Amino acid sequence: SRSRETHRSRGASMRLIPACSPEWDEYLERVPHDFFQTSQYHAISVEYGGGEAWLLVYGSGGKFFAWPYLIRQIKAEGQFGIRFRDTTSVYGYSGPILYNCSEDTCFVIQAWQAFVETWRAQSVVSVFTRFHPILANHASLPPEWRAPGTLGSTMDT
């Protein structure tokens, strides 16, 4: 399968890469990561729990912000027959992956905004992940998004 580009912003692109694509692992090869973020683990999670596995990537091979997630249908329907979805992480710790952009606050904020736009286009009404405690990928959240607010909140457990 091929990835599907969904967004362009200031020279950066947004891509949705399915778990069956070798491109997923090509992105992971560039960064420290864990088994929980691999395409294989996401594919197994889909097989046993349903939904679809995607790697959402903002940027390019030399600089990117990526998010592996499962997207699932919610058993509720909105007005005009709209089917809502949620995104969740696989069992374990996954969360976002950054490459050559952790110090570029502007790029990271643009990536987060592009993620939110993509999820809205997918009719996503809830996003859940377990951030990785060793990779500390929770630090990629802008400070104003770490507390309850318009985009939700994060909780330390």
Protein backbone atom coordinates (compact mmCIF):
# COMPACT_ATOMS: atom_id res chain seq x y z
CA SER A 1 0.00 0.00 0.00
CA ARG A 2 1.03 3.55 -0.55
CA SER A 3 0.88 6.46 1.85
CA ARG A 4 -1.64 9.21 1.27
CA GLU A 5 -0.71 12.85 1.53
CA THR A 6 -3.38 14.86 3.31
CA HIS A 7 -1.97 18.29 4.13
CA ARG A 8 0.65 20.82 3.03
CA SER A 9 1.78 23.71 5.16
CA ARG A 10 4.83 25.96 4.66
CA GLY A 11 6.76 23.36 2.70
CA ALA A 12 5.98 20.51 5.10
CA SER A 13 3.61 17.75 4.15
CA MET A 14 1.30 15.51 6.14
CA ARG A 15 1.20 11.84 5.24
CA LEU A 16 -0.88 8.92 6.46
CA ILE A 17 1.10 5.70 6.21
CA PRO A 18 -0.66 2.35 6.77
CA ALA A 19 0.95 -0.36 8.91
CA CYS A 20 1.42 -2.57 5.84
CA SER A 21 3.76 -0.02 4.22
CA PRO A 22 7.55 -0.41 4.56
CA GLU A 23 7.70 3.40 4.69
CA TRP A 24 6.53 3.23 8.35
CA ASP A 25 9.68 1.35 9.37
CA GLU A 26 11.88 3.60 7.21
CA TYR A 27 10.80 6.54 9.37
CA LEU A 28 11.38 4.60 12.59
CA GLU A 29 14.89 3.56 11.56
CA ARG A 30 15.98 7.21 11.93
CA VAL A 31 14.96 7.63 15.58
CA PRO A 32 15.19 5.94 18.96
CA HIS A 33 11.96 3.98 19.26
CA ASP A 34 10.40 1.03 21.01
CA PHE A 35 8.59 -2.09 19.79
CA PHE A 36 5.30 -0.39 20.72
CA GLN A 37 5.77 2.11 17.86
CA THR A 38 6.48 -0.44 15.09
CA SER A 39 4.18 -1.23 12.19
CA GLN A 40 4.26 -4.94 13.11
CA TYR A 41 2.98 -4.33 16.62
CA HIS A 42 0.25 -2.02 15.30
CA ALA A 43 -0.79 -4.62 12.71
CA ILE A 44 -1.06 -7.27 15.45
CA SER A 45 -3.13 -4.87 17.57
CA VAL A 46 -5.54 -4.34 14.67
CA GLU A 47 -5.83 -8.07 14.12
CA TYR A 48 -6.89 -8.61 17.74
CA GLY A 49 -8.69 -5.37 18.52
CA GLY A 50 -9.99 -3.99 15.24
CA GLY A 51 -9.66 -0.57 13.69
CA GLU A 52 -6.94 0.66 11.35
CA ALA A 53 -3.27 1.37 12.11
CA TRP A 54 -1.68 4.56 10.79
CA LEU A 55 1.54 6.49 11.12
CA LEU A 56 0.74 10.19 10.71
CA VAL A 57 3.87 12.05 9.57
CA TYR A 58 4.38 15.79 9.34
CA GLY A 59 7.54 16.86 7.53
CA SER A 60 10.00 14.90 5.41
CA GLY A 61 12.72 12.30 5.80
CA GLY A 62 15.22 14.86 7.14
CA LYS A 63 12.90 16.47 9.71
CA PHE A 64 9.62 15.04 10.88
CA PHE A 65 7.13 14.61 13.67
CA ALA A 66 5.22 11.32 13.49
CA TRP A 67 2.40 9.73 15.47
CA PRO A 68 1.54 6.00 15.34
CA TYR A 69 -2.07 5.31 16.27
CA LEU A 70 -5.12 3.12 15.85
CA ILE A 71 -8.33 4.67 14.54
CA ARG A 72 -11.65 3.05 15.43
CA GLN A 73 -15.33 3.63 14.76
CA ILE A 74 -17.40 4.80 17.71
CA LYS A 75 -20.80 3.17 18.06
CA ALA A 76 -22.63 6.47 17.78
CA GLU A 77 -23.80 8.52 14.85
CA GLY A 78 -23.99 12.27 14.61
CA GLN A 79 -26.25 14.51 12.59
CA PHE A 80 -26.56 13.75 8.89
CA GLY A 81 -25.25 10.20 9.40
CA ILE A 82 -21.71 11.25 10.30
CA ARG A 83 -19.81 8.35 11.85
CA PHE A 84 -17.46 9.41 14.59
CA ARG A 85 -14.09 7.85 15.35
CA ASP A 86 -11.50 7.87 18.07
CA THR A 87 -7.77 7.34 18.00
CA THR A 88 -5.93 5.36 20.59
CA SER A 89 -2.50 3.96 21.20
CA VAL A 90 -1.66 0.30 21.09
CA TYR A 91 -1.33 -1.50 24.39
CA GLY A 92 1.96 -0.27 25.79
CA TYR A 93 3.79 3.01 25.38
CA SER A 94 3.92 4.57 21.97
CA GLY A 95 3.11 8.25 21.49
CA PRO A 96 4.77 10.63 19.03
CA ILE A 97 8.19 10.36 17.40
CA LEU A 98 10.36 13.38 16.60
CA TYR A 99 13.37 13.60 14.30
CA ASN A 100 15.55 16.72 13.99
CA CYS A 101 12.74 18.99 15.16
CA SER A 102 12.54 18.88 18.97
CA GLU A 103 14.27 22.28 19.23
CA ASP A 104 12.16 23.83 16.43
CA THR A 105 9.14 24.96 18.44
CA CYS A 106 7.44 26.54 15.42
CA PHE A 107 7.69 23.29 13.42
CA VAL A 108 6.39 21.22 16.34
CA ILE A 109 3.40 23.52 16.87
CA GLN A 110 2.61 23.42 13.13
CA ALA A 111 2.81 19.63 13.27
CA TRP A 112 0.40 19.47 16.23
CA GLN A 113 -2.02 21.78 14.42
CA ALA A 114 -1.78 19.64 11.28
CA PHE A 115 -2.42 16.50 13.36
CA VAL A 116 -5.57 18.06 14.82
CA GLU A 117 -6.74 19.11 11.33
CA THR A 118 -6.15 15.59 9.99
CA TRP A 119 -8.03 13.99 12.89
CA ARG A 120 -10.94 16.39 12.37
CA ALA A 121 -11.04 15.41 8.70
CA GLN A 122 -11.19 11.76 9.83
CA SER A 123 -14.19 12.60 12.10
CA VAL A 124 -12.09 11.89 15.21
CA VAL A 125 -13.64 13.20 18.42
CA SER A 126 -11.18 11.72 20.93
CA VAL A 127 -7.40 11.14 20.92
CA PHE A 128 -5.72 8.96 23.52
CA THR A 129 -2.14 7.82 23.83
CA ARG A 130 0.25 6.48 26.38
CA PHE A 131 3.45 8.52 26.21
CA HIS A 132 6.68 6.56 26.50
CA PRO A 133 8.28 7.08 29.95
CA ILE A 134 11.85 6.44 28.77
CA LEU A 135 11.66 8.23 25.41
CA ALA A 136 9.89 11.15 27.20
CA ASN A 137 7.86 12.00 24.12
CA HIS A 138 5.35 13.87 26.31
CA ALA A 139 7.84 16.75 26.19
CA SER A 140 6.76 17.38 22.57
CA LEU A 141 3.46 18.79 23.79
CA PRO A 142 3.39 22.59 23.84
CA PRO A 143 3.20 23.73 27.51
CA GLU A 144 -0.26 25.26 27.05
CA TRP A 145 -1.57 21.86 25.88
CA ARG A 146 -0.34 19.98 28.95
CA ALA A 147 -3.09 21.38 31.17
CA PRO A 148 -6.87 21.08 30.75
CA GLY A 149 -8.03 23.32 27.94
CA THR A 150 -9.59 23.44 24.51
CA LEU A 151 -7.65 20.45 23.20
CA GLY A 152 -7.94 18.35 26.32
CA SER A 153 -5.34 17.48 28.87
CA THR A 154 -2.55 15.14 29.82
CA MET A 155 -2.34 13.24 33.05
CA ASP A 156 0.67 11.82 34.82
CA THR A 157 -0.02 8.42 36.32
